[in-house]
Amino acid sequence: MVPRKLVAVFHTPTSEFMLRLAVELGFHSILVEPDPAQVPPVARPHGDQLVHDLAAAGLDEHTDVILTDHHRPEIGQLLKEALAARTRWIGILGNPHHEGPHVALLRDLGVPDGEIARVHRPAGLNIGSRTPPEIAVAILAGLIADRNGRPGGFEFSPENGT
């Protein structure tokens, strides 16, 4: 059996819940937080490991990467690195009804449109999630569906309001 690895980028409430659940679902989970000041010194992140860059996370073709914040200045470079590592799946949180800021950032870094299209947004199943725990469940359920070759309800359309 191929080892399952989940890399959650950025210390956020969503990444906390996702990493907590990912361990129970059999993922080797890693939190990547480029800014050490973003991780409270008394809080211990859930998951197997905390690193400060993607290289230390050991990305490979069996790795799923999710960026849990779409406003951080590092997202373009981090996504470019994740794409270059040929990771299995890459996602970023965001509203599905308009283009995310990551698209322009990746284009500015010279990433071809075909590679940009590998970045999933929205990143989770369409279950109407609003809170960090619900978003974490939607993302993990989507990853499980994708790994198992199931559609899992990734469709988002204006008709159903999501």
C-alpha atoms as a PDB file:
ATOM      1  CA  MET A   1       0.000   0.000   0.000  1.00  0.00           C
ATOM      2  CA  VAL A   2       1.308   3.435  -0.986  1.00  0.00           C
ATOM      3  CA  PRO A   3       1.816   5.738   2.001  1.00  0.00           C
ATOM      4  CA  ARG A   4      -0.699   8.566   2.177  1.00  0.00           C
ATOM      5  CA  LYS A   5       0.639  12.030   2.973  1.00  0.00           C
ATOM      6  CA  LEU A   6      -1.324  15.223   3.595  1.00  0.00           C
ATOM      7  CA  VAL A   7       0.516  18.529   3.703  1.00  0.00           C
ATOM      8  CA  ALA A   8      -1.542  21.409   5.080  1.00  0.00           C
ATOM      9  CA  VAL A   9       0.083  24.751   4.376  1.00  0.00           C
ATOM     10  CA  PHE A  10      -0.446  27.592   6.861  1.00  0.00           C
ATOM     11  CA  HIS A  11      -1.438  27.345  10.504  1.00  0.00           C
ATOM     12  CA  THR A  12      -5.159  28.173  10.454  1.00  0.00           C
ATOM     13  CA  PRO A  13      -8.233  26.857  12.262  1.00  0.00           C
ATOM     14  CA  THR A  14      -9.051  24.795   9.159  1.00  0.00           C
ATOM     15  CA  SER A  15      -5.587  23.213   9.053  1.00  0.00           C
ATOM     16  CA  GLU A  16      -5.838  22.390  12.769  1.00  0.00           C
ATOM     17  CA  PHE A  17      -9.064  20.435  12.261  1.00  0.00           C
ATOM     18  CA  MET A  18      -7.894  18.871   9.023  1.00  0.00           C
ATOM     19  CA  LEU A  19      -4.621  17.605  10.500  1.00  0.00           C
ATOM     20  CA  ARG A  20      -6.394  16.241  13.563  1.00  0.00           C
ATOM     21  CA  LEU A  21      -8.791  14.222  11.401  1.00  0.00           C
ATOM     22  CA  ALA A  22      -6.197  13.257   8.777  1.00  0.00           C
ATOM     23  CA  VAL A  23      -4.195  11.260  11.308  1.00  0.00           C
ATOM     24  CA  GLU A  24      -7.316   9.233  12.119  1.00  0.00           C
ATOM     25  CA  LEU A  25      -7.897   8.650   8.395  1.00  0.00           C
ATOM     26  CA  GLY A  26      -4.464   7.132   7.897  1.00  0.00           C
ATOM     27  CA  PHE A  27      -2.570  10.094   6.471  1.00  0.00           C
ATOM     28  CA  HIS A  28       0.952  10.976   7.512  1.00  0.00           C
ATOM     29  CA  SER A  29       0.156  14.636   8.074  1.00  0.00           C
ATOM     30  CA  ILE A  30       2.469  17.609   7.974  1.00  0.00           C
ATOM     31  CA  LEU A  31       1.841  21.266   8.735  1.00  0.00           C
ATOM     32  CA  VAL A  32       3.974  23.662   6.708  1.00  0.00           C
ATOM     33  CA  GLU A  33       4.042  27.132   8.240  1.00  0.00           C
ATOM     34  CA  PRO A  34       6.624  29.358   6.515  1.00  0.00           C
ATOM     35  CA  ASP A  35       6.332  32.017   9.221  1.00  0.00           C
ATOM     36  CA  PRO A  36       7.321  30.608  12.648  1.00  0.00           C
ATOM     37  CA  ALA A  37       5.612  33.601  14.265  1.00  0.00           C
ATOM     38  CA  GLN A  38       2.252  32.254  13.013  1.00  0.00           C
ATOM     39  CA  VAL A  39       2.493  29.153  15.224  1.00  0.00           C
ATOM     40  CA  PRO A  40       1.718  30.052  18.853  1.00  0.00           C
ATOM     41  CA  PRO A  41       4.577  28.854  21.094  1.00  0.00           C
ATOM     42  CA  VAL A  42       2.236  27.088  23.527  1.00  0.00           C
ATOM     43  CA  ALA A  43       0.071  25.424  20.897  1.00  0.00           C
ATOM     44  CA  ARG A  44       1.143  22.125  19.443  1.00  0.00           C
ATOM     45  CA  PRO A  45      -0.254  21.651  15.947  1.00  0.00           C
ATOM     46  CA  HIS A  46      -2.176  18.485  15.250  1.00  0.00           C
ATOM     47  CA  GLY A  47      -0.535  16.121  12.855  1.00  0.00           C
ATOM     48  CA  ASP A  48       2.634  14.178  12.665  1.00  0.00           C
ATOM     49  CA  GLN A  49       5.101  16.941  11.876  1.00  0.00           C
ATOM     50  CA  LEU A  50       5.619  20.723  11.734  1.00  0.00           C
ATOM     51  CA  VAL A  51       8.066  22.165   9.191  1.00  0.00           C
ATOM     52  CA  HIS A  52       8.690  25.631   7.817  1.00  0.00           C
ATOM     53  CA  ASP A  53       9.088  24.933   4.088  1.00  0.00           C
ATOM     54  CA  LEU A  54       7.745  22.549   1.467  1.00  0.00           C
ATOM     55  CA  ALA A  55      11.140  20.957   0.813  1.00  0.00           C
ATOM     56  CA  ALA A  56      11.194  19.678   4.398  1.00  0.00           C
ATOM     57  CA  ALA A  57       7.751  18.106   3.868  1.00  0.00           C
ATOM     58  CA  GLY A  58       9.179  15.650   1.319  1.00  0.00           C
ATOM     59  CA  LEU A  59       6.627  16.194  -1.437  1.00  0.00           C
ATOM     60  CA  ASP A  60       6.199  13.373  -3.923  1.00  0.00           C
ATOM     61  CA  GLU A  61       3.595  11.803  -6.218  1.00  0.00           C
ATOM     62  CA  HIS A  62       1.763  10.356  -3.187  1.00  0.00           C
ATOM     63  CA  THR A  63       1.315  13.724  -1.471  1.00  0.00           C
ATOM     64  CA  ASP A  64      -1.837  15.815  -1.264  1.00  0.00           C
ATOM     65  CA  VAL A  65      -1.188  19.522  -0.589  1.00  0.00           C
ATOM     66  CA  ILE A  66      -3.794  22.011   0.591  1.00  0.00           C
ATOM     67  CA  LEU A  67      -3.186  25.719   1.162  1.00  0.00           C
ATOM     68  CA  THR A  68      -5.553  26.779   3.919  1.00  0.00           C
ATOM     69  CA  ASP A  69      -5.304  30.544   3.353  1.00  0.00           C
ATOM     70  CA  HIS A  70      -5.632  32.363   0.045  1.00  0.00           C
ATOM     71  CA  HIS A  71      -4.440  35.792   1.232  1.00  0.00           C
ATOM     72  CA  ARG A  72      -0.871  35.045   2.278  1.00  0.00           C
ATOM     73  CA  PRO A  73       1.886  36.571   0.127  1.00  0.00           C
ATOM     74  CA  GLU A  74       3.719  33.221  -0.160  1.00  0.00           C
ATOM     75  CA  ILE A  75       0.956  31.365  -2.009  1.00  0.00           C
ATOM     76  CA  GLY A  76       2.325  31.835  -5.524  1.00  0.00           C
ATOM     77  CA  GLN A  77       5.788  30.516  -4.729  1.00  0.00           C
ATOM     78  CA  LEU A  78       4.447  27.687  -2.554  1.00  0.00           C
ATOM     79  CA  LEU A  79       2.044  26.524  -5.252  1.00  0.00           C
ATOM     80  CA  LYS A  80       4.804  26.699  -7.868  1.00  0.00           C
ATOM     81  CA  GLU A  81       6.970  24.458  -5.652  1.00  0.00           C
ATOM     82  CA  ALA A  82       4.108  22.013  -5.074  1.00  0.00           C
ATOM     83  CA  LEU A  83       3.422  21.818  -8.812  1.00  0.00           C
ATOM     84  CA  ALA A  84       7.108  21.255  -9.604  1.00  0.00           C
ATOM     85  CA  ALA A  85       7.230  18.392  -7.079  1.00  0.00           C
ATOM     86  CA  ARG A  86       4.558  16.561  -9.103  1.00  0.00           C
ATOM     87  CA  THR A  87       2.381  16.072  -6.063  1.00  0.00           C
ATOM     88  CA  ARG A  88      -0.698  13.898  -6.470  1.00  0.00           C
ATOM     89  CA  TRP A  89      -3.251  16.608  -5.658  1.00  0.00           C
ATOM     90  CA  ILE A  90      -3.063  20.345  -4.885  1.00  0.00           C
ATOM     91  CA  GLY A  91      -5.832  22.580  -3.577  1.00  0.00           C
ATOM     92  CA  ILE A  92      -6.363  26.034  -2.128  1.00  0.00           C
ATOM     93  CA  LEU A  93      -9.313  27.356  -0.156  1.00  0.00           C
ATOM     94  CA  GLY A  94     -11.475  29.989  -1.779  1.00  0.00           C
ATOM     95  CA  ASN A  95     -14.811  30.954  -3.255  1.00  0.00           C
ATOM     96  CA  PRO A  96     -15.597  28.944  -6.405  1.00  0.00           C
ATOM     97  CA  HIS A  97     -17.477  31.822  -8.047  1.00  0.00           C
ATOM     98  CA  HIS A  98     -14.493  33.984  -8.954  1.00  0.00           C
ATOM     99  CA  GLU A  99     -10.896  33.470  -9.916  1.00  0.00           C
ATOM    100  CA  GLY A 100      -8.550  33.120  -6.975  1.00  0.00           C
ATOM    101  CA  PRO A 101      -5.546  35.389  -6.517  1.00  0.00           C
ATOM    102  CA  HIS A 102      -3.266  32.373  -6.941  1.00  0.00           C
ATOM    103  CA  VAL A 103      -3.928  32.300 -10.690  1.00  0.00           C
ATOM    104  CA  ALA A 104      -2.359  35.716 -11.367  1.00  0.00           C
ATOM    105  CA  LEU A 105       0.472  35.019  -8.944  1.00  0.00           C
ATOM    106  CA  LEU A 106       1.341  31.762 -10.715  1.00  0.00           C
ATOM    107  CA  ARG A 107       1.138  33.401 -14.141  1.00  0.00           C
ATOM    108  CA  ASP A 108       3.481  36.145 -12.921  1.00  0.00           C
ATOM    109  CA  LEU A 109       5.919  33.373 -11.909  1.00  0.00           C
ATOM    110  CA  GLY A 110       5.774  31.898 -15.425  1.00  0.00           C
ATOM    111  CA  VAL A 111       3.688  28.842 -14.572  1.00  0.00           C
ATOM    112  CA  PRO A 112       1.805  27.591 -17.671  1.00  0.00           C
ATOM    113  CA  ASP A 113      -2.009  27.567 -17.605  1.00  0.00           C
ATOM    114  CA  GLY A 114      -2.070  23.762 -17.839  1.00  0.00           C
ATOM    115  CA  GLU A 115      -0.139  23.518 -14.580  1.00  0.00           C
ATOM    116  CA  ILE A 116      -2.240  26.235 -12.915  1.00  0.00           C
ATOM    117  CA  ALA A 117      -5.312  24.143 -13.761  1.00  0.00           C
ATOM    118  CA  ARG A 118      -3.940  21.363 -11.513  1.00  0.00           C
ATOM    119  CA  VAL A 119      -4.688  23.570  -8.482  1.00  0.00           C
ATOM    120  CA  HIS A 120      -8.163  22.680  -7.215  1.00  0.00           C
ATOM    121  CA  ARG A 121     -10.368  25.499  -6.024  1.00  0.00           C
ATOM    122  CA  PRO A 122     -12.656  25.030  -4.244  1.00  0.00           C
ATOM    123  CA  ALA A 123     -10.791  22.321  -2.429  1.00  0.00           C
ATOM    124  CA  GLY A 124     -13.562  20.333  -0.771  1.00  0.00           C
ATOM    125  CA  LEU A 125     -16.812  18.616  -1.547  1.00  0.00           C
ATOM    126  CA  ASN A 126     -19.914  20.721  -2.029  1.00  0.00           C
ATOM    127  CA  ILE A 127     -21.576  20.127   1.345  1.00  0.00           C
ATOM    128  CA  GLY A 128     -22.290  23.770   2.171  1.00  0.00           C
ATOM    129  CA  SER A 129     -19.454  23.977   4.691  1.00  0.00           C
ATOM    130  CA  ARG A 130     -18.910  27.323   6.394  1.00  0.00           C
ATOM    131  CA  THR A 131     -16.935  26.695   9.596  1.00  0.00           C
ATOM    132  CA  PRO A 132     -13.320  25.476   9.852  1.00  0.00           C
ATOM    133  CA  PRO A 133     -14.345  21.978  11.052  1.00  0.00           C
ATOM    134  CA  GLU A 134     -16.906  21.652   8.230  1.00  0.00           C
ATOM    135  CA  ILE A 135     -14.368  22.845   5.647  1.00  0.00           C
ATOM    136  CA  ALA A 136     -11.835  20.311   6.967  1.00  0.00           C
ATOM    137  CA  VAL A 137     -14.379  17.490   6.649  1.00  0.00           C
ATOM    138  CA  ALA A 138     -15.289  18.590   3.102  1.00  0.00           C
ATOM    139  CA  ILE A 139     -11.619  18.642   2.041  1.00  0.00           C
ATOM    140  CA  LEU A 140     -10.790  15.270   3.574  1.00  0.00           C
ATOM    141  CA  ALA A 141     -13.923  13.657   2.157  1.00  0.00           C
ATOM    142  CA  GLY A 142     -12.982  15.006  -1.260  1.00  0.00           C
ATOM    143  CA  LEU A 143      -9.462  13.615  -0.990  1.00  0.00           C
ATOM    144  CA  ILE A 144     -10.817  10.217  -0.012  1.00  0.00           C
ATOM    145  CA  ALA A 145     -13.302  10.268  -2.924  1.00  0.00           C
ATOM    146  CA  ASP A 146     -10.555  11.316  -5.345  1.00  0.00           C
ATOM    147  CA  ARG A 147      -8.160   8.615  -4.115  1.00  0.00           C
ATOM    148  CA  ASN A 148     -10.896   6.013  -4.517  1.00  0.00           C
ATOM    149  CA  GLY A 149     -11.861   7.190  -8.014  1.00  0.00           C
ATOM    150  CA  ARG A 150     -15.293   8.408  -6.916  1.00  0.00           C
ATOM    151  CA  PRO A 151     -16.923  11.694  -7.973  1.00  0.00           C
ATOM    152  CA  GLY A 152     -17.804  12.586  -4.387  1.00  0.00           C
ATOM    153  CA  GLY A 153     -19.893  15.656  -5.196  1.00  0.00           C
ATOM    154  CA  PHE A 154     -17.222  18.135  -6.283  1.00  0.00           C
ATOM    155  CA  GLU A 155     -19.683  19.924  -8.554  1.00  0.00           C
ATOM    156  CA  PHE A 156     -20.451  23.552  -7.766  1.00  0.00           C
ATOM    157  CA  SER A 157     -23.046  25.475  -9.726  1.00  0.00           C
ATOM    158  CA  PRO A 158     -24.818  28.828  -9.480  1.00  0.00           C
ATOM    159  CA  GLU A 159     -28.213  27.088  -9.467  1.00  0.00           C
ATOM    160  CA  ASN A 160     -27.715  25.506  -6.061  1.00  0.00           C
ATOM    161  CA  GLY A 161     -26.211  28.605  -4.482  1.00  0.00           C
ATOM    162  CA  THR A 162     -22.849  27.100  -3.614  1.00  0.00           C
END
